[in-house]
Amino acid sequence: MFLNWKLRELNLKIVYYGPAMSGKTTNLQYIHARTNPKLRGELVSLKTREDRTIFFDFLQLELGQLKGLKPKFNLYTVPGQVAYEATRRLVLQGADGIVFVADSQMSRLADNVQAFKTMHRHLQDLGLSPQRVPCVVQFNKRDLPNLAPVPVLKRLFVPNGTPCFESVATNGVGVFETLKATINLVVSQAQQQL
């Protein structure tokens, strides 16, 4: 959480985290394309050698003000490839909320588990409790064959009643529902801290 007193904005950071090719970037591209251009920044891709981090920001005016501040959300993705662990940890720094994007295909279960464990380790390394950072889990690619059953995915990735959504990010199914749930959790926590 970052307060910009000059602009009277409350900047909140949401990071989309998950294994490579799980749909993190697709989520952000879909959200960006359907957000009022007057309320959002440009979709930026930061490339360092072979990894890539995507981000943009937007004002959520429908929420109203929080203690006189306009909430502004900064959405980021992390590079999914294991080789870019340092970048993923860096992007997680200062996160107010996380969307863990799991690829629903059975063949990707091990990749999802690895990414989930790495995310928790990074949060701990940054001095954050994984249980205290608002998190929503998205089971993406539900339109493909050979899917892991939702009860299996919930058992692996939804501890303690964490909100979860099935999605098909390429056509927007579950994308805004996931974002809205994350925003609600992040805003609720920010209100307690202000």
C-alpha atoms as a PDB file:
ATOM      1  CA  MET A   1       0.000   0.000   0.000  1.00  0.00           C
ATOM      2  CA  PHE A   2       1.365   3.369  -1.018  1.00  0.00           C
ATOM      3  CA  LEU A   3      -0.324   6.684  -0.236  1.00  0.00           C
ATOM      4  CA  ASN A   4       0.054   9.483  -2.774  1.00  0.00           C
ATOM      5  CA  TRP A   5      -1.092  12.467  -0.743  1.00  0.00           C
ATOM      6  CA  LYS A   6      -0.549  14.917  -3.588  1.00  0.00           C
ATOM      7  CA  LEU A   7      -3.019  13.083  -5.853  1.00  0.00           C
ATOM      8  CA  ARG A   8      -5.091  11.792  -2.897  1.00  0.00           C
ATOM      9  CA  GLU A   9      -4.625   8.221  -4.182  1.00  0.00           C
ATOM     10  CA  LEU A  10      -4.251   4.952  -2.340  1.00  0.00           C
ATOM     11  CA  ASN A  11      -2.081   2.726  -4.548  1.00  0.00           C
ATOM     12  CA  LEU A  12      -2.665  -0.996  -4.050  1.00  0.00           C
ATOM     13  CA  LYS A  13      -0.632  -3.701  -5.773  1.00  0.00           C
ATOM     14  CA  ILE A  14      -2.136  -6.976  -7.001  1.00  0.00           C
ATOM     15  CA  VAL A  15       0.211  -9.609  -8.410  1.00  0.00           C
ATOM     16  CA  TYR A  16      -0.886 -12.423 -10.720  1.00  0.00           C
ATOM     17  CA  TYR A  17       1.359 -15.363  -9.852  1.00  0.00           C
ATOM     18  CA  GLY A  18       1.507 -18.881 -11.280  1.00  0.00           C
ATOM     19  CA  PRO A  19       3.448 -21.259 -13.488  1.00  0.00           C
ATOM     20  CA  ALA A  20       4.525 -20.423 -17.035  1.00  0.00           C
ATOM     21  CA  MET A  21       1.709 -20.310 -19.575  1.00  0.00           C
ATOM     22  CA  SER A  22      -1.065 -20.544 -16.966  1.00  0.00           C
ATOM     23  CA  GLY A  23      -2.873 -17.432 -18.235  1.00  0.00           C
ATOM     24  CA  LYS A  24      -1.541 -14.618 -16.042  1.00  0.00           C
ATOM     25  CA  THR A  25      -0.820 -12.294 -18.963  1.00  0.00           C
ATOM     26  CA  THR A  26      -4.066 -13.268 -20.691  1.00  0.00           C
ATOM     27  CA  ASN A  27      -5.977 -12.173 -17.565  1.00  0.00           C
ATOM     28  CA  LEU A  28      -4.291  -8.766 -17.534  1.00  0.00           C
ATOM     29  CA  GLN A  29      -4.742  -8.250 -21.264  1.00  0.00           C
ATOM     30  CA  TYR A  30      -8.457  -9.061 -20.981  1.00  0.00           C
ATOM     31  CA  ILE A  31      -8.933  -6.713 -18.004  1.00  0.00           C
ATOM     32  CA  HIS A  32      -6.954  -3.920 -19.656  1.00  0.00           C
ATOM     33  CA  ALA A  33      -8.900  -4.189 -22.923  1.00  0.00           C
ATOM     34  CA  ARG A  34     -12.219  -3.893 -21.075  1.00  0.00           C
ATOM     35  CA  THR A  35     -11.330  -1.123 -18.623  1.00  0.00           C
ATOM     36  CA  ASN A  36     -12.325   2.430 -19.479  1.00  0.00           C
ATOM     37  CA  PRO A  37      -9.253   4.002 -21.166  1.00  0.00           C
ATOM     38  CA  LYS A  38      -9.834   7.203 -19.161  1.00  0.00           C
ATOM     39  CA  LEU A  39      -9.352   5.262 -15.922  1.00  0.00           C
ATOM     40  CA  ARG A  40      -6.392   3.050 -16.807  1.00  0.00           C
ATOM     41  CA  GLY A  41      -2.749   3.391 -17.685  1.00  0.00           C
ATOM     42  CA  GLU A  42      -0.959   1.757 -20.556  1.00  0.00           C
ATOM     43  CA  LEU A  43      -0.229  -1.958 -20.594  1.00  0.00           C
ATOM     44  CA  VAL A  44       3.529  -2.081 -20.094  1.00  0.00           C
ATOM     45  CA  SER A  45       5.817  -5.022 -20.709  1.00  0.00           C
ATOM     46  CA  LEU A  46       9.165  -4.916 -18.914  1.00  0.00           C
ATOM     47  CA  LYS A  47      11.665  -7.254 -20.489  1.00  0.00           C
ATOM     48  CA  THR A  48      14.959  -8.203 -18.908  1.00  0.00           C
ATOM     49  CA  ARG A  49      16.878 -10.653 -21.025  1.00  0.00           C
ATOM     50  CA  GLU A  50      14.309 -13.377 -21.574  1.00  0.00           C
ATOM     51  CA  ASP A  51      11.792 -12.815 -18.796  1.00  0.00           C
ATOM     52  CA  ARG A  52       8.857 -10.463 -18.946  1.00  0.00           C
ATOM     53  CA  THR A  53       6.715  -8.657 -16.398  1.00  0.00           C
ATOM     54  CA  ILE A  54       3.478  -7.038 -17.510  1.00  0.00           C
ATOM     55  CA  PHE A  55       1.662  -4.321 -15.592  1.00  0.00           C
ATOM     56  CA  PHE A  56      -0.831  -1.491 -15.757  1.00  0.00           C
ATOM     57  CA  ASP A  57      -2.760   0.585 -13.276  1.00  0.00           C
ATOM     58  CA  PHE A  58      -6.337   1.778 -13.061  1.00  0.00           C
ATOM     59  CA  LEU A  59      -8.560   3.855 -10.830  1.00  0.00           C
ATOM     60  CA  GLN A  60     -11.528   2.048  -9.323  1.00  0.00           C
ATOM     61  CA  LEU A  61     -13.932   4.955  -8.937  1.00  0.00           C
ATOM     62  CA  GLU A  62     -16.953   2.705  -8.344  1.00  0.00           C
ATOM     63  CA  LEU A  63     -15.567   1.889  -4.898  1.00  0.00           C
ATOM     64  CA  GLY A  64     -15.772   5.497  -3.853  1.00  0.00           C
ATOM     65  CA  GLN A  65     -13.091   6.893  -1.593  1.00  0.00           C
ATOM     66  CA  LEU A  66     -11.350   5.229   1.305  1.00  0.00           C
ATOM     67  CA  LYS A  67     -10.751   7.788   4.051  1.00  0.00           C
ATOM     68  CA  GLY A  68     -10.670  10.544   1.431  1.00  0.00           C
ATOM     69  CA  LEU A  69      -8.373   8.650  -0.964  1.00  0.00           C
ATOM     70  CA  LYS A  70      -9.159   7.283  -4.425  1.00  0.00           C
ATOM     71  CA  PRO A  71      -8.135   3.610  -4.723  1.00  0.00           C
ATOM     72  CA  LYS A  72      -5.750   2.963  -7.596  1.00  0.00           C
ATOM     73  CA  PHE A  73      -4.807  -0.620  -8.401  1.00  0.00           C
ATOM     74  CA  ASN A  74      -1.527  -1.654  -9.952  1.00  0.00           C
ATOM     75  CA  LEU A  75      -1.826  -5.086 -11.588  1.00  0.00           C
ATOM     76  CA  TYR A  76       1.331  -7.091 -12.271  1.00  0.00           C
ATOM     77  CA  THR A  77       2.212 -10.506 -13.621  1.00  0.00           C
ATOM     78  CA  VAL A  78       5.345 -12.418 -12.757  1.00  0.00           C
ATOM     79  CA  PRO A  79       7.371 -14.395 -15.296  1.00  0.00           C
ATOM     80  CA  GLY A  80       6.292 -18.002 -14.874  1.00  0.00           C
ATOM     81  CA  GLN A  81       9.516 -19.725 -15.841  1.00  0.00           C
ATOM     82  CA  VAL A  82      11.444 -21.215 -12.916  1.00  0.00           C
ATOM     83  CA  ALA A  83      14.667 -19.617 -14.195  1.00  0.00           C
ATOM     84  CA  TYR A  84      13.335 -16.151 -13.263  1.00  0.00           C
ATOM     85  CA  GLU A  85      12.825 -16.768  -9.570  1.00  0.00           C
ATOM     86  CA  ALA A  86      14.587 -13.542  -8.537  1.00  0.00           C
ATOM     87  CA  THR A  87      12.287 -11.445 -10.733  1.00  0.00           C
ATOM     88  CA  ARG A  88       9.204 -13.192  -9.347  1.00  0.00           C
ATOM     89  CA  ARG A  89      10.311 -12.467  -5.782  1.00  0.00           C
ATOM     90  CA  LEU A  90      11.021  -8.833  -6.678  1.00  0.00           C
ATOM     91  CA  VAL A  91       7.585  -8.355  -8.272  1.00  0.00           C
ATOM     92  CA  LEU A  92       5.915  -9.848  -5.168  1.00  0.00           C
ATOM     93  CA  GLN A  93       7.605  -7.258  -2.956  1.00  0.00           C
ATOM     94  CA  GLY A  94       4.980  -4.852  -1.641  1.00  0.00           C
ATOM     95  CA  ALA A  95       2.040  -6.915  -2.909  1.00  0.00           C
ATOM     96  CA  ASP A  96      -1.260  -6.069  -1.229  1.00  0.00           C
ATOM     97  CA  GLY A  97      -2.981  -9.044  -2.838  1.00  0.00           C
ATOM     98  CA  ILE A  98      -2.275 -12.044  -5.038  1.00  0.00           C
ATOM     99  CA  VAL A  99      -4.145 -13.950  -7.694  1.00  0.00           C
ATOM    100  CA  PHE A 100      -2.671 -17.421  -8.037  1.00  0.00           C
ATOM    101  CA  VAL A 101      -3.446 -18.600 -11.583  1.00  0.00           C
ATOM    102  CA  ALA A 102      -3.363 -22.395 -11.822  1.00  0.00           C
ATOM    103  CA  ASP A 103      -3.435 -24.204 -15.160  1.00  0.00           C
ATOM    104  CA  SER A 104      -6.281 -26.725 -14.778  1.00  0.00           C
ATOM    105  CA  GLN A 105      -4.784 -29.413 -17.021  1.00  0.00           C
ATOM    106  CA  MET A 106      -3.804 -32.640 -15.242  1.00  0.00           C
ATOM    107  CA  SER A 107      -0.416 -32.517 -16.977  1.00  0.00           C
ATOM    108  CA  ARG A 108       0.322 -29.169 -15.245  1.00  0.00           C
ATOM    109  CA  LEU A 109      -0.454 -30.174 -11.648  1.00  0.00           C
ATOM    110  CA  ALA A 110       3.216 -30.539 -10.684  1.00  0.00           C
ATOM    111  CA  ASP A 111       4.039 -27.126 -12.207  1.00  0.00           C
ATOM    112  CA  ASN A 112       1.171 -25.551 -10.262  1.00  0.00           C
ATOM    113  CA  VAL A 113       2.284 -27.133  -6.986  1.00  0.00           C
ATOM    114  CA  GLN A 114       5.871 -25.984  -7.549  1.00  0.00           C
ATOM    115  CA  ALA A 115       4.765 -22.412  -8.309  1.00  0.00           C
ATOM    116  CA  PHE A 116       2.444 -22.339  -5.274  1.00  0.00           C
ATOM    117  CA  LYS A 117       5.213 -23.501  -2.934  1.00  0.00           C
ATOM    118  CA  THR A 118       7.668 -21.025  -4.459  1.00  0.00           C
ATOM    119  CA  MET A 119       5.165 -18.183  -4.022  1.00  0.00           C
ATOM    120  CA  HIS A 120       4.790 -19.029  -0.331  1.00  0.00           C
ATOM    121  CA  ARG A 121       8.566 -19.200   0.104  1.00  0.00           C
ATOM    122  CA  HIS A 122       9.012 -15.820  -1.613  1.00  0.00           C
ATOM    123  CA  LEU A 123       6.408 -14.226   0.641  1.00  0.00           C
ATOM    124  CA  GLN A 124       8.180 -15.588   3.708  1.00  0.00           C
ATOM    125  CA  ASP A 125      11.534 -14.378   2.369  1.00  0.00           C
ATOM    126  CA  LEU A 126       9.983 -10.910   2.044  1.00  0.00           C
ATOM    127  CA  GLY A 127       8.809 -11.033   5.653  1.00  0.00           C
ATOM    128  CA  LEU A 128       5.161 -11.554   4.731  1.00  0.00           C
ATOM    129  CA  SER A 129       2.911 -14.250   6.114  1.00  0.00           C
ATOM    130  CA  PRO A 130       1.295 -16.193   3.239  1.00  0.00           C
ATOM    131  CA  GLN A 131      -1.804 -16.553   5.415  1.00  0.00           C
ATOM    132  CA  ARG A 132      -2.121 -12.779   5.879  1.00  0.00           C
ATOM    133  CA  VAL A 133      -1.689 -11.601   2.284  1.00  0.00           C
ATOM    134  CA  PRO A 134      -5.107 -11.547   0.587  1.00  0.00           C
ATOM    135  CA  CYS A 135      -5.123 -14.264  -2.074  1.00  0.00           C
ATOM    136  CA  VAL A 136      -7.619 -15.549  -4.612  1.00  0.00           C
ATOM    137  CA  VAL A 137      -7.020 -18.709  -6.637  1.00  0.00           C
ATOM    138  CA  GLN A 138      -8.100 -19.025 -10.252  1.00  0.00           C
ATOM    139  CA  PHE A 139      -8.431 -22.433 -11.934  1.00  0.00           C
ATOM    140  CA  ASN A 140      -7.809 -21.354 -15.520  1.00  0.00           C
ATOM    141  CA  LYS A 141      -8.181 -23.120 -18.879  1.00  0.00           C
ATOM    142  CA  ARG A 142     -11.365 -24.945 -17.850  1.00  0.00           C
ATOM    143  CA  ASP A 143     -12.255 -25.267 -21.556  1.00  0.00           C
ATOM    144  CA  LEU A 144      -9.417 -27.693 -22.344  1.00  0.00           C
ATOM    145  CA  PRO A 145      -9.459 -31.510 -22.248  1.00  0.00           C
ATOM    146  CA  ASN A 146      -7.868 -33.652 -19.492  1.00  0.00           C
ATOM    147  CA  LEU A 147      -8.692 -31.303 -16.630  1.00  0.00           C
ATOM    148  CA  ALA A 148      -7.930 -31.889 -12.984  1.00  0.00           C
ATOM    149  CA  PRO A 149     -11.198 -32.151 -11.051  1.00  0.00           C
ATOM    150  CA  VAL A 150     -12.056 -28.987  -9.110  1.00  0.00           C
ATOM    151  CA  PRO A 151     -12.109 -30.855  -5.747  1.00  0.00           C
ATOM    152  CA  VAL A 152      -8.501 -31.948  -6.376  1.00  0.00           C
ATOM    153  CA  LEU A 153      -7.455 -28.381  -7.232  1.00  0.00           C
ATOM    154  CA  LYS A 154      -9.235 -27.032  -4.161  1.00  0.00           C
ATOM    155  CA  ARG A 155      -7.480 -29.561  -1.926  1.00  0.00           C
ATOM    156  CA  LEU A 156      -4.085 -28.473  -3.301  1.00  0.00           C
ATOM    157  CA  PHE A 157      -4.516 -24.713  -3.610  1.00  0.00           C
ATOM    158  CA  VAL A 158      -7.397 -23.477  -1.491  1.00  0.00           C
ATOM    159  CA  PRO A 159      -6.353 -23.545   2.152  1.00  0.00           C
ATOM    160  CA  ASN A 160      -8.686 -22.164   4.793  1.00  0.00           C
ATOM    161  CA  GLY A 161     -11.540 -21.191   2.488  1.00  0.00           C
ATOM    162  CA  THR A 162      -9.494 -19.037   0.127  1.00  0.00           C
ATOM    163  CA  PRO A 163     -11.833 -17.725  -2.616  1.00  0.00           C
ATOM    164  CA  CYS A 164     -11.437 -19.583  -5.907  1.00  0.00           C
ATOM    165  CA  PHE A 165     -12.898 -19.265  -9.385  1.00  0.00           C
ATOM    166  CA  GLU A 166     -12.973 -21.406 -12.495  1.00  0.00           C
ATOM    167  CA  SER A 167     -11.982 -19.465 -15.586  1.00  0.00           C
ATOM    168  CA  VAL A 168     -11.248 -19.373 -19.271  1.00  0.00           C
ATOM    169  CA  ALA A 169      -9.153 -16.208 -19.470  1.00  0.00           C
ATOM    170  CA  THR A 170      -9.006 -16.198 -23.280  1.00  0.00           C
ATOM    171  CA  ASN A 171     -12.717 -15.364 -23.438  1.00  0.00           C
ATOM    172  CA  GLY A 172     -13.099 -13.652 -20.058  1.00  0.00           C
ATOM    173  CA  VAL A 173     -14.945 -16.342 -18.127  1.00  0.00           C
ATOM    174  CA  GLY A 174     -14.160 -15.811 -14.445  1.00  0.00           C
ATOM    175  CA  VAL A 175     -11.631 -13.038 -15.097  1.00  0.00           C
ATOM    176  CA  PHE A 176     -13.522 -10.099 -13.596  1.00  0.00           C
ATOM    177  CA  GLU A 177     -15.035 -12.269 -10.861  1.00  0.00           C
ATOM    178  CA  THR A 178     -11.507 -13.174  -9.761  1.00  0.00           C
ATOM    179  CA  LEU A 179     -10.361  -9.551  -9.896  1.00  0.00           C
ATOM    180  CA  LYS A 180     -13.429  -8.282  -8.016  1.00  0.00           C
ATOM    181  CA  ALA A 181     -12.938 -10.819  -5.207  1.00  0.00           C
ATOM    182  CA  THR A 182      -9.261  -9.844  -4.951  1.00  0.00           C
ATOM    183  CA  ILE A 183     -10.059  -6.125  -4.895  1.00  0.00           C
ATOM    184  CA  ASN A 184     -12.627  -6.685  -2.140  1.00  0.00           C
ATOM    185  CA  LEU A 185     -10.110  -8.554   0.013  1.00  0.00           C
ATOM    186  CA  VAL A 186      -7.363  -5.984  -0.603  1.00  0.00           C
ATOM    187  CA  VAL A 187      -9.641  -3.019   0.119  1.00  0.00           C
ATOM    188  CA  SER A 188     -10.967  -4.649   3.279  1.00  0.00           C
ATOM    189  CA  GLN A 189      -7.441  -5.138   4.573  1.00  0.00           C
ATOM    190  CA  ALA A 190      -6.403  -1.601   3.538  1.00  0.00           C
ATOM    191  CA  GLN A 191      -9.369  -0.122   5.457  1.00  0.00           C
ATOM    192  CA  GLN A 192      -8.173  -1.894   8.592  1.00  0.00           C
ATOM    193  CA  GLN A 193      -4.669  -0.483   8.136  1.00  0.00           C
ATOM    194  CA  LEU A 194      -5.671   3.139   7.425  1.00  0.00           C
END
